[in-house]
Amino acid sequence: MSHKGRSRTAAKLRAHAPVFAALGDETRLSLLARLSEGRPCSISELTEGSKLSRQAITKHLRVLESVGMVHSARAGRQSLFELNLRPIKGIKEYLDLVSEQWDRGCPG
């Protein structure tokens, strides 16, 4: 891989590292799975069936929100959280690139 290609790959990794870090938690992964059903959910709905408090769920949602994976909107007195697919598509593209390099036998 050329220096320019390695530099571009490194830049993508730096851009995606916070998203990968946010995904490195089982609770956050389960919240994304719930939100992937396609409808906005309140913190109360996301807390149902969990042993975590509303405050803990809120903390995890804020981490996901900070990397753009979810966004919230006010609906009356509550916040509704919704999945944003753009960061997921970005890391998928990055992983596809890494996979292609691996398949070509390039150490990256």
PDB file of N, CA and C in Angstrom:
ATOM      1  N   MET A   1       0.850  -1.170   0.000  1.00  0.00           N
ATOM      2  CA  MET A   1       0.000   0.000   0.000  1.00  0.00           C
ATOM      3  C   MET A   1       0.898   1.237   0.000  1.00  0.00           C
ATOM      4  N   SER A   2       0.544   2.216  -0.755  1.00  0.00           N
ATOM      5  CA  SER A   2       1.325   3.445  -0.846  1.00  0.00           C
ATOM      6  C   SER A   2       1.208   4.233   0.453  1.00  0.00           C
ATOM      7  N   HIS A   3       2.153   5.181   0.599  1.00  0.00           N
ATOM      8  CA  HIS A   3       2.105   6.053   1.779  1.00  0.00           C
ATOM      9  C   HIS A   3       0.779   6.808   1.838  1.00  0.00           C
ATOM     10  N   LYS A   4       0.313   7.276   0.677  1.00  0.00           N
ATOM     11  CA  LYS A   4      -0.961   8.013   0.624  1.00  0.00           C
ATOM     12  C   LYS A   4      -2.120   7.112   1.053  1.00  0.00           C
ATOM     13  N   GLY A   5      -2.112   5.853   0.597  1.00  0.00           N
ATOM     14  CA  GLY A   5      -3.161   4.902   0.977  1.00  0.00           C
ATOM     15  C   GLY A   5      -3.137   4.601   2.466  1.00  0.00           C
ATOM     16  N   ARG A   6      -1.929   4.437   3.024  1.00  0.00           N
ATOM     17  CA  ARG A   6      -1.815   4.183   4.472  1.00  0.00           C
ATOM     18  C   ARG A   6      -2.283   5.397   5.268  1.00  0.00           C
ATOM     19  N   SER A   7      -1.944   6.570   4.770  1.00  0.00           N
ATOM     20  CA  SER A   7      -2.356   7.797   5.445  1.00  0.00           C
ATOM     21  C   SER A   7      -3.879   7.933   5.443  1.00  0.00           C
ATOM     22  N   ARG A   8      -4.487   7.611   4.315  1.00  0.00           N
ATOM     23  CA  ARG A   8      -5.954   7.690   4.208  1.00  0.00           C
ATOM     24  C   ARG A   8      -6.604   6.669   5.142  1.00  0.00           C
ATOM     25  N   THR A   9      -6.036   5.463   5.196  1.00  0.00           N
ATOM     26  CA  THR A   9      -6.566   4.428   6.086  1.00  0.00           C
ATOM     27  C   THR A   9      -6.423   4.847   7.544  1.00  0.00           C
ATOM     28  N   ALA A  10      -5.280   5.433   7.893  1.00  0.00           N
ATOM     29  CA  ALA A  10      -5.063   5.891   9.272  1.00  0.00           C
ATOM     30  C   ALA A  10      -6.056   6.990   9.640  1.00  0.00           C
ATOM     31  N   ALA A  11      -6.333   7.878   8.700  1.00  0.00           N
ATOM     32  CA  ALA A  11      -7.302   8.954   8.959  1.00  0.00           C
ATOM     33  C   ALA A  11      -8.686   8.374   9.193  1.00  0.00           C
ATOM     34  N   LYS A  12      -9.042   7.374   8.405  1.00  0.00           N
ATOM     35  CA  LYS A  12     -10.351   6.741   8.598  1.00  0.00           C
ATOM     36  C   LYS A  12     -10.417   6.048   9.948  1.00  0.00           C
ATOM     37  N   LEU A  13      -9.327   5.393  10.330  1.00  0.00           N
ATOM     38  CA  LEU A  13      -9.301   4.721  11.627  1.00  0.00           C
ATOM     39  C   LEU A  13      -9.484   5.731  12.757  1.00  0.00           C
ATOM     40  N   ARG A  14      -8.789   6.864  12.681  1.00  0.00           N
ATOM     41  CA  ARG A  14      -8.936   7.895  13.718  1.00  0.00           C
ATOM     42  C   ARG A  14     -10.373   8.405  13.767  1.00  0.00           C
ATOM     43  N   ALA A  15     -10.993   8.532  12.612  1.00  0.00           N
ATOM     44  CA  ALA A  15     -12.371   9.020  12.563  1.00  0.00           C
ATOM     45  C   ALA A  15     -13.345   8.003  13.140  1.00  0.00           C
ATOM     46  N   HIS A  16     -13.064   6.719  12.943  1.00  0.00           N
ATOM     47  CA  HIS A  16     -13.992   5.672  13.379  1.00  0.00           C
ATOM     48  C   HIS A  16     -13.688   5.122  14.770  1.00  0.00           C
ATOM     49  N   ALA A  17     -12.521   5.407  15.312  1.00  0.00           N
ATOM     50  CA  ALA A  17     -12.144   4.848  16.616  1.00  0.00           C
ATOM     51  C   ALA A  17     -13.159   5.164  17.719  1.00  0.00           C
ATOM     52  N   PRO A  18     -13.690   6.396  17.811  1.00  0.00           N
ATOM     53  CA  PRO A  18     -14.684   6.657  18.863  1.00  0.00           C
ATOM     54  C   PRO A  18     -15.952   5.807  18.705  1.00  0.00           C
ATOM     55  N   VAL A  19     -16.337   5.512  17.469  1.00  0.00           N
ATOM     56  CA  VAL A  19     -17.520   4.678  17.235  1.00  0.00           C
ATOM     57  C   VAL A  19     -17.238   3.249  17.692  1.00  0.00           C
ATOM     58  N   PHE A  20     -16.049   2.730  17.319  1.00  0.00           N
ATOM     59  CA  PHE A  20     -15.683   1.389  17.775  1.00  0.00           C
ATOM     60  C   PHE A  20     -15.632   1.328  19.299  1.00  0.00           C
ATOM     61  N   ALA A  21     -15.103   2.370  19.936  1.00  0.00           N
ATOM     62  CA  ALA A  21     -15.035   2.403  21.396  1.00  0.00           C
ATOM     63  C   ALA A  21     -16.443   2.372  22.001  1.00  0.00           C
ATOM     64  N   ALA A  22     -17.359   3.138  21.410  1.00  0.00           N
ATOM     65  CA  ALA A  22     -18.740   3.150  21.913  1.00  0.00           C
ATOM     66  C   ALA A  22     -19.397   1.786  21.750  1.00  0.00           C
ATOM     67  N   LEU A  23     -19.030   1.067  20.703  1.00  0.00           N
ATOM     68  CA  LEU A  23     -19.611  -0.255  20.465  1.00  0.00           C
ATOM     69  C   LEU A  23     -18.995  -1.338  21.348  1.00  0.00           C
ATOM     70  N   GLY A  24     -17.948  -0.988  22.077  1.00  0.00           N
ATOM     71  CA  GLY A  24     -17.250  -1.969  22.895  1.00  0.00           C
ATOM     72  C   GLY A  24     -17.913  -2.252  24.229  1.00  0.00           C
ATOM     73  N   ASP A  25     -19.183  -2.015  24.331  1.00  0.00           N
ATOM     74  CA  ASP A  25     -19.908  -2.239  25.572  1.00  0.00           C
ATOM     75  C   ASP A  25     -21.193  -3.014  25.260  1.00  0.00           C
ATOM     76  N   GLU A  26     -21.404  -4.085  25.985  1.00  0.00           N
ATOM     77  CA  GLU A  26     -22.564  -4.960  25.756  1.00  0.00           C
ATOM     78  C   GLU A  26     -23.895  -4.217  25.917  1.00  0.00           C
ATOM     79  N   THR A  27     -23.982  -3.348  26.896  1.00  0.00           N
ATOM     80  CA  THR A  27     -25.229  -2.599  27.102  1.00  0.00           C
ATOM     81  C   THR A  27     -25.525  -1.702  25.911  1.00  0.00           C
ATOM     82  N   ARG A  28     -24.495  -1.000  25.431  1.00  0.00           N
ATOM     83  CA  ARG A  28     -24.717  -0.116  24.282  1.00  0.00           C
ATOM     84  C   ARG A  28     -25.084  -0.912  23.035  1.00  0.00           C
ATOM     85  N   LEU A  29     -24.471  -2.066  22.862  1.00  0.00           N
ATOM     86  CA  LEU A  29     -24.848  -2.922  21.726  1.00  0.00           C
ATOM     87  C   LEU A  29     -26.306  -3.361  21.831  1.00  0.00           C
ATOM     88  N   SER A  30     -26.754  -3.685  23.027  1.00  0.00           N
ATOM     89  CA  SER A  30     -28.150  -4.115  23.188  1.00  0.00           C
ATOM     90  C   SER A  30     -29.106  -2.937  22.956  1.00  0.00           C
ATOM     91  N   LEU A  31     -28.693  -1.727  23.352  1.00  0.00           N
ATOM     92  CA  LEU A  31     -29.530  -0.550  23.078  1.00  0.00           C
ATOM     93  C   LEU A  31     -29.647  -0.314  21.579  1.00  0.00           C
ATOM     94  N   LEU A  32     -28.542  -0.458  20.861  1.00  0.00           N
ATOM     95  CA  LEU A  32     -28.597  -0.309  19.399  1.00  0.00           C
ATOM     96  C   LEU A  32     -29.501  -1.357  18.770  1.00  0.00           C
ATOM     97  N   ALA A  33     -29.436  -2.577  19.287  1.00  0.00           N
ATOM     98  CA  ALA A  33     -30.305  -3.635  18.752  1.00  0.00           C
ATOM     99  C   ALA A  33     -31.772  -3.279  18.973  1.00  0.00           C
ATOM    100  N   ARG A  34     -32.098  -2.750  20.137  1.00  0.00           N
ATOM    101  CA  ARG A  34     -33.489  -2.345  20.400  1.00  0.00           C
ATOM    102  C   ARG A  34     -33.914  -1.210  19.466  1.00  0.00           C
ATOM    103  N   LEU A  35     -33.017  -0.246  19.276  1.00  0.00           N
ATOM    104  CA  LEU A  35     -33.351   0.895  18.428  1.00  0.00           C
ATOM    105  C   LEU A  35     -33.362   0.535  16.943  1.00  0.00           C
ATOM    106  N   SER A  36     -32.720  -0.566  16.581  1.00  0.00           N
ATOM    107  CA  SER A  36     -32.693  -0.968  15.170  1.00  0.00           C
ATOM    108  C   SER A  36     -34.049  -1.494  14.701  1.00  0.00           C
ATOM    109  N   GLU A  37     -34.981  -1.646  15.621  1.00  0.00           N
ATOM    110  CA  GLU A  37     -36.327  -2.077  15.246  1.00  0.00           C
ATOM    111  C   GLU A  37     -37.055  -0.995  14.462  1.00  0.00           C
ATOM    112  N   GLY A  38     -36.499   0.227  14.471  1.00  0.00           N
ATOM    113  CA  GLY A  38     -37.001   1.258  13.588  1.00  0.00           C
ATOM    114  C   GLY A  38     -37.921   2.310  14.177  1.00  0.00           C
ATOM    115  N   ARG A  39     -38.237   2.196  15.438  1.00  0.00           N
ATOM    116  CA  ARG A  39     -39.106   3.228  16.008  1.00  0.00           C
ATOM    117  C   ARG A  39     -38.394   3.887  17.173  1.00  0.00           C
ATOM    118  N   PRO A  40     -38.623   5.188  17.345  1.00  0.00           N
ATOM    119  CA  PRO A  40     -38.014   5.897  18.471  1.00  0.00           C
ATOM    120  C   PRO A  40     -38.494   5.318  19.797  1.00  0.00           C
ATOM    121  N   CYS A  41     -37.609   5.284  20.772  1.00  0.00           N
ATOM    122  CA  CYS A  41     -37.938   4.734  22.088  1.00  0.00           C
ATOM    123  C   CYS A  41     -37.554   5.719  23.179  1.00  0.00           C
ATOM    124  N   SER A  42     -38.367   5.737  24.210  1.00  0.00           N
ATOM    125  CA  SER A  42     -38.066   6.556  25.381  1.00  0.00           C
ATOM    126  C   SER A  42     -37.081   5.806  26.273  1.00  0.00           C
ATOM    127  N   ILE A  43     -36.504   6.541  27.215  1.00  0.00           N
ATOM    128  CA  ILE A  43     -35.596   5.912  28.168  1.00  0.00           C
ATOM    129  C   ILE A  43     -36.344   4.853  28.971  1.00  0.00           C
ATOM    130  N   SER A  44     -37.587   5.122  29.328  1.00  0.00           N
ATOM    131  CA  SER A  44     -38.391   4.134  30.071  1.00  0.00           C
ATOM    132  C   SER A  44     -38.538   2.844  29.270  1.00  0.00           C
ATOM    133  N   GLU A  45     -38.838   2.973  27.980  1.00  0.00           N
ATOM    134  CA  GLU A  45     -38.987   1.782  27.133  1.00  0.00           C
ATOM    135  C   GLU A  45     -37.669   1.022  27.032  1.00  0.00           C
ATOM    136  N   LEU A  46     -36.569   1.756  26.915  1.00  0.00           N
ATOM    137  CA  LEU A  46     -35.265   1.105  26.785  1.00  0.00           C
ATOM    138  C   LEU A  46     -34.799   0.491  28.094  1.00  0.00           C
ATOM    139  N   THR A  47     -35.337   0.945  29.215  1.00  0.00           N
ATOM    140  CA  THR A  47     -34.982   0.395  30.521  1.00  0.00           C
ATOM    141  C   THR A  47     -35.763  -0.887  30.818  1.00  0.00           C
ATOM    142  N   GLU A  48     -36.946  -1.034  30.197  1.00  0.00           N
ATOM    143  CA  GLU A  48     -37.777  -2.224  30.434  1.00  0.00           C
ATOM    144  C   GLU A  48     -36.988  -3.497  30.143  1.00  0.00           C
ATOM    145  N   GLY A  49     -37.078  -4.448  31.066  1.00  0.00           N
ATOM    146  CA  GLY A  49     -36.399  -5.729  30.896  1.00  0.00           C
ATOM    147  C   GLY A  49     -34.916  -5.682  31.213  1.00  0.00           C
ATOM    148  N   SER A  50     -34.441  -4.541  31.658  1.00  0.00           N
ATOM    149  CA  SER A  50     -33.032  -4.388  32.000  1.00  0.00           C
ATOM    150  C   SER A  50     -32.887  -4.322  33.511  1.00  0.00           C
ATOM    151  N   LYS A  51     -31.737  -4.729  33.992  1.00  0.00           N
ATOM    152  CA  LYS A  51     -31.464  -4.603  35.421  1.00  0.00           C
ATOM    153  C   LYS A  51     -30.837  -3.254  35.735  1.00  0.00           C
ATOM    154  N   LEU A  52     -30.633  -2.429  34.692  1.00  0.00           N
ATOM    155  CA  LEU A  52     -30.005  -1.127  34.868  1.00  0.00           C
ATOM    156  C   LEU A  52     -31.032  -0.055  35.184  1.00  0.00           C
ATOM    157  N   SER A  53     -30.576   0.983  35.860  1.00  0.00           N
ATOM    158  CA  SER A  53     -31.450   2.112  36.178  1.00  0.00           C
ATOM    159  C   SER A  53     -31.624   3.004  34.952  1.00  0.00           C
ATOM    160  N   ARG A  54     -32.596   3.881  35.037  1.00  0.00           N
ATOM    161  CA  ARG A  54     -32.802   4.864  33.971  1.00  0.00           C
ATOM    162  C   ARG A  54     -31.556   5.730  33.806  1.00  0.00           C
ATOM    163  N   GLN A  55     -30.907   6.071  34.913  1.00  0.00           N
ATOM    164  CA  GLN A  55     -29.705   6.896  34.855  1.00  0.00           C
ATOM    165  C   GLN A  55     -28.580   6.176  34.117  1.00  0.00           C
ATOM    166  N   ALA A  56     -28.432   4.880  34.363  1.00  0.00           N
ATOM    167  CA  ALA A  56     -27.383   4.112  33.687  1.00  0.00           C
ATOM    168  C   ALA A  56     -27.676   4.023  32.179  1.00  0.00           C
ATOM    169  N   ILE A  57     -28.932   3.759  31.841  1.00  0.00           N
ATOM    170  CA  ILE A  57     -29.317   3.691  30.426  1.00  0.00           C
ATOM    171  C   ILE A  57     -29.081   5.053  29.765  1.00  0.00           C
ATOM    172  N   THR A  58     -29.429   6.115  30.457  1.00  0.00           N
ATOM    173  CA  THR A  58     -29.221   7.464  29.923  1.00  0.00           C
ATOM    174  C   THR A  58     -27.740   7.714  29.661  1.00  0.00           C
ATOM    175  N   LYS A  59     -26.896   7.292  30.580  1.00  0.00           N
ATOM    176  CA  LYS A  59     -25.449   7.469  30.408  1.00  0.00           C
ATOM    177  C   LYS A  59     -24.965   6.753  29.150  1.00  0.00           C
ATOM    178  N   HIS A  60     -25.420   5.532  28.937  1.00  0.00           N
ATOM    179  CA  HIS A  60     -25.027   4.780  27.740  1.00  0.00           C
ATOM    180  C   HIS A  60     -25.569   5.444  26.467  1.00  0.00           C
ATOM    181  N   LEU A  61     -26.788   5.939  26.540  1.00  0.00           N
ATOM    182  CA  LEU A  61     -27.360   6.626  25.375  1.00  0.00           C
ATOM    183  C   LEU A  61     -26.577   7.883  25.039  1.00  0.00           C
ATOM    184  N   ARG A  62     -26.105   8.584  26.045  1.00  0.00           N
ATOM    185  CA  ARG A  62     -25.312   9.806  25.809  1.00  0.00           C
ATOM    186  C   ARG A  62     -23.985   9.469  25.132  1.00  0.00           C
ATOM    187  N   VAL A  63     -23.390   8.338  25.491  1.00  0.00           N
ATOM    188  CA  VAL A  63     -22.158   7.908  24.816  1.00  0.00           C
ATOM    189  C   VAL A  63     -22.450   7.643  23.337  1.00  0.00           C
ATOM    190  N   LEU A  64     -23.532   6.927  23.064  1.00  0.00           N
ATOM    191  CA  LEU A  64     -23.917   6.643  21.676  1.00  0.00           C
ATOM    192  C   LEU A  64     -24.260   7.929  20.933  1.00  0.00           C
ATOM    193  N   GLU A  65     -24.893   8.847  21.625  1.00  0.00           N
ATOM    194  CA  GLU A  65     -25.250  10.118  21.007  1.00  0.00           C
ATOM    195  C   GLU A  65     -24.003  10.952  20.700  1.00  0.00           C
ATOM    196  N   SER A  66     -22.996  10.873  21.558  1.00  0.00           N
ATOM    197  CA  SER A  66     -21.775  11.662  21.369  1.00  0.00           C
ATOM    198  C   SER A  66     -21.001  11.255  20.123  1.00  0.00           C
ATOM    199  N   VAL A  67     -21.180  10.014  19.663  1.00  0.00           N
ATOM    200  CA  VAL A  67     -20.511   9.565  18.433  1.00  0.00           C
ATOM    201  C   VAL A  67     -21.480   9.532  17.258  1.00  0.00           C
ATOM    202  N   GLY A  68     -22.686  10.042  17.471  1.00  0.00           N
ATOM    203  CA  GLY A  68     -23.643  10.175  16.382  1.00  0.00           C
ATOM    204  C   GLY A  68     -24.435   8.932  16.043  1.00  0.00           C
ATOM    205  N   MET A  69     -24.368   7.901  16.871  1.00  0.00           N
ATOM    206  CA  MET A  69     -25.074   6.657  16.558  1.00  0.00           C
ATOM    207  C   MET A  69     -26.553   6.718  16.898  1.00  0.00           C
ATOM    208  N   VAL A  70     -26.903   7.570  17.824  1.00  0.00           N
ATOM    209  CA  VAL A  70     -28.309   7.808  18.142  1.00  0.00           C
ATOM    210  C   VAL A  70     -28.513   9.312  18.250  1.00  0.00           C
ATOM    211  N   HIS A  71     -29.741   9.718  18.080  1.00  0.00           N
ATOM    212  CA  HIS A  71     -30.084  11.112  18.345  1.00  0.00           C
ATOM    213  C   HIS A  71     -31.415  11.107  19.092  1.00  0.00           C
ATOM    214  N   SER A  72     -31.617  12.186  19.825  1.00  0.00           N
ATOM    215  CA  SER A  72     -32.832  12.268  20.620  1.00  0.00           C
ATOM    216  C   SER A  72     -33.633  13.483  20.201  1.00  0.00           C
ATOM    217  N   ALA A  73     -34.915  13.388  20.438  1.00  0.00           N
ATOM    218  CA  ALA A  73     -35.831  14.493  20.178  1.00  0.00           C
ATOM    219  C   ALA A  73     -36.827  14.528  21.328  1.00  0.00           C
ATOM    220  N   ARG A  74     -37.182  15.711  21.727  1.00  0.00           N
ATOM    221  CA  ARG A  74     -38.168  15.860  22.802  1.00  0.00           C
ATOM    222  C   ARG A  74     -39.560  15.575  22.260  1.00  0.00           C
ATOM    223  N   ALA A  75     -40.316  14.851  23.051  1.00  0.00           N
ATOM    224  CA  ALA A  75     -41.726  14.585  22.756  1.00  0.00           C
ATOM    225  C   ALA A  75     -42.468  14.784  24.071  1.00  0.00           C
ATOM    226  N   GLY A  76     -42.951  15.982  24.252  1.00  0.00           N
ATOM    227  CA  GLY A  76     -43.577  16.297  25.531  1.00  0.00           C
ATOM    228  C   GLY A  76     -42.533  16.353  26.617  1.00  0.00           C
ATOM    229  N   ARG A  77     -42.712  15.568  27.661  1.00  0.00           N
ATOM    230  CA  ARG A  77     -41.785  15.566  28.800  1.00  0.00           C
ATOM    231  C   ARG A  77     -40.658  14.561  28.656  1.00  0.00           C
ATOM    232  N   GLN A  78     -40.669  13.769  27.610  1.00  0.00           N
ATOM    233  CA  GLN A  78     -39.644  12.738  27.491  1.00  0.00           C
ATOM    234  C   GLN A  78     -38.806  12.909  26.227  1.00  0.00           C
ATOM    235  N   SER A  79     -37.646  12.300  26.251  1.00  0.00           N
ATOM    236  CA  SER A  79     -36.778  12.255  25.077  1.00  0.00           C
ATOM    237  C   SER A  79     -36.987  10.909  24.399  1.00  0.00           C
ATOM    238  N   LEU A  80     -37.095  10.958  23.089  1.00  0.00           N
ATOM    239  CA  LEU A  80     -37.189   9.733  22.296  1.00  0.00           C
ATOM    240  C   LEU A  80     -35.874   9.564  21.548  1.00  0.00           C
ATOM    241  N   PHE A  81     -35.324   8.373  21.623  1.00  0.00           N
ATOM    242  CA  PHE A  81     -34.045   8.081  20.987  1.00  0.00           C
ATOM    243  C   PHE A  81     -34.275   7.258  19.732  1.00  0.00           C
ATOM    244  N   GLU A  82     -33.471   7.577  18.728  1.00  0.00           N
ATOM    245  CA  GLU A  82     -33.593   6.931  17.424  1.00  0.00           C
ATOM    246  C   GLU A  82     -32.195   6.609  16.904  1.00  0.00           C
ATOM    247  N   LEU A  83     -32.087   5.510  16.186  1.00  0.00           N
ATOM    248  CA  LEU A  83     -30.822   5.065  15.611  1.00  0.00           C
ATOM    249  C   LEU A  83     -30.460   5.922  14.407  1.00  0.00           C
ATOM    250  N   ASN A  84     -29.189   6.277  14.301  1.00  0.00           N
ATOM    251  CA  ASN A  84     -28.660   6.961  13.130  1.00  0.00           C
ATOM    252  C   ASN A  84     -27.707   5.992  12.442  1.00  0.00           C
ATOM    253  N   LEU A  85     -28.011   5.604  11.225  1.00  0.00           N
ATOM    254  CA  LEU A  85     -27.222   4.591  10.538  1.00  0.00           C
ATOM    255  C   LEU A  85     -25.925   5.107   9.918  1.00  0.00           C
ATOM    256  N   ARG A  86     -25.765   6.411   9.770  1.00  0.00           N
ATOM    257  CA  ARG A  86     -24.579   6.943   9.085  1.00  0.00           C
ATOM    258  C   ARG A  86     -23.265   6.452   9.706  1.00  0.00           C
ATOM    259  N   PRO A  87     -23.057   6.543  11.034  1.00  0.00           N
ATOM    260  CA  PRO A  87     -21.793   6.047  11.591  1.00  0.00           C
ATOM    261  C   PRO A  87     -21.616   4.541  11.394  1.00  0.00           C
ATOM    262  N   ILE A  88     -22.709   3.796  11.425  1.00  0.00           N
ATOM    263  CA  ILE A  88     -22.621   2.346  11.221  1.00  0.00           C
ATOM    264  C   ILE A  88     -22.193   2.050   9.788  1.00  0.00           C
ATOM    265  N   LYS A  89     -22.748   2.785   8.839  1.00  0.00           N
ATOM    266  CA  LYS A  89     -22.331   2.612   7.446  1.00  0.00           C
ATOM    267  C   LYS A  89     -20.860   2.968   7.275  1.00  0.00           C
ATOM    268  N   GLY A  90     -20.412   4.003   7.966  1.00  0.00           N
ATOM    269  CA  GLY A  90     -19.010   4.401   7.882  1.00  0.00           C
ATOM    270  C   GLY A  90     -18.065   3.329   8.392  1.00  0.00           C
ATOM    271  N   ILE A  91     -18.391   2.713   9.522  1.00  0.00           N
ATOM    272  CA  ILE A  91     -17.492   1.668  10.029  1.00  0.00           C
ATOM    273  C   ILE A  91     -17.607   0.399   9.194  1.00  0.00           C
ATOM    274  N   LYS A  92     -18.773   0.163   8.611  1.00  0.00           N
ATOM    275  CA  LYS A  92     -18.899  -0.983   7.701  1.00  0.00           C
ATOM    276  C   LYS A  92     -17.984  -0.789   6.491  1.00  0.00           C
ATOM    277  N   GLU A  93     -17.983   0.410   5.934  1.00  0.00           N
ATOM    278  CA  GLU A  93     -17.104   0.697   4.800  1.00  0.00           C
ATOM    279  C   GLU A  93     -15.639   0.529   5.198  1.00  0.00           C
ATOM    280  N   TYR A  94     -15.290   0.986   6.395  1.00  0.00           N
ATOM    281  CA  TYR A  94     -13.919   0.834   6.880  1.00  0.00           C
ATOM    282  C   TYR A  94     -13.561  -0.647   7.025  1.00  0.00           C
ATOM    283  N   LEU A  95     -14.456  -1.428   7.622  1.00  0.00           N
ATOM    284  CA  LEU A  95     -14.191  -2.855   7.791  1.00  0.00           C
ATOM    285  C   LEU A  95     -14.116  -3.573   6.441  1.00  0.00           C
ATOM    286  N   ASP A  96     -14.919  -3.138   5.475  1.00  0.00           N
ATOM    287  CA  ASP A  96     -14.831  -3.696   4.124  1.00  0.00           C
ATOM    288  C   ASP A  96     -13.451  -3.427   3.520  1.00  0.00           C
ATOM    289  N   LEU A  97     -12.937  -2.214   3.724  1.00  0.00           N
ATOM    290  CA  LEU A  97     -11.609  -1.853   3.230  1.00  0.00           C
ATOM    291  C   LEU A  97     -10.544  -2.729   3.872  1.00  0.00           C
ATOM    292  N   VAL A  98     -10.611  -2.900   5.180  1.00  0.00           N
ATOM    293  CA  VAL A  98      -9.650  -3.739   5.893  1.00  0.00           C
ATOM    294  C   VAL A  98      -9.754  -5.183   5.390  1.00  0.00           C
ATOM    295  N   SER A  99     -10.971  -5.650   5.185  1.00  0.00           N
ATOM    296  CA  SER A  99     -11.176  -7.008   4.692  1.00  0.00           C
ATOM    297  C   SER A  99     -10.573  -7.203   3.305  1.00  0.00           C
ATOM    298  N   GLU A 100     -10.757  -6.208   2.435  1.00  0.00           N
ATOM    299  CA  GLU A 100     -10.169  -6.285   1.100  1.00  0.00           C
ATOM    300  C   GLU A 100      -8.646  -6.352   1.184  1.00  0.00           C
ATOM    301  N   GLN A 101      -8.068  -5.544   2.064  1.00  0.00           N
ATOM    302  CA  GLN A 101      -6.614  -5.565   2.238  1.00  0.00           C
ATOM    303  C   GLN A 101      -6.159  -6.929   2.747  1.00  0.00           C
ATOM    304  N   TRP A 102      -6.888  -7.467   3.667  1.00  0.00           N
ATOM    305  CA  TRP A 102      -6.568  -8.775   4.228  1.00  0.00           C
ATOM    306  C   TRP A 102      -6.618  -9.833   3.125  1.00  0.00           C
ATOM    307  N   ASP A 103      -7.683  -9.784   2.303  1.00  0.00           N
ATOM    308  CA  ASP A 103      -7.838 -10.754   1.236  1.00  0.00           C
ATOM    309  C   ASP A 103      -6.703 -10.660   0.214  1.00  0.00           C
ATOM    310  N   ARG A 104      -6.177  -9.448  -0.008  1.00  0.00           N
ATOM    311  CA  ARG A 104      -5.067  -9.262  -0.940  1.00  0.00           C
ATOM    312  C   ARG A 104      -3.731  -9.618  -0.312  1.00  0.00           C
ATOM    313  N   GLY A 105      -3.727  -9.870   0.969  1.00  0.00           N
ATOM    314  CA  GLY A 105      -2.505 -10.223   1.658  1.00  0.00           C
ATOM    315  C   GLY A 105      -1.659  -9.017   2.016  1.00  0.00           C
ATOM    316  N   CYS A 106      -2.275  -7.847   2.013  1.00  0.00           N
ATOM    317  CA  CYS A 106      -1.557  -6.616   2.374  1.00  0.00           C
ATOM    318  C   CYS A 106      -1.608  -6.441   3.878  1.00  0.00           C
ATOM    319  N   PRO A 107      -0.471  -6.195   4.498  1.00  0.00           N
ATOM    320  CA  PRO A 107      -0.476  -6.014   5.942  1.00  0.00           C
ATOM    321  C   PRO A 107      -1.071  -4.708   6.407  1.00  0.00           C
ATOM    322  N   GLY A 108      -1.388  -3.765   5.484  1.00  0.00           N
ATOM    323  CA  GLY A 108      -2.028  -2.501   5.853  1.00  0.00           C
ATOM    324  C   GLY A 108      -1.069  -1.582   6.436  1.00  0.00           C
TER     325      GLY A 108
END
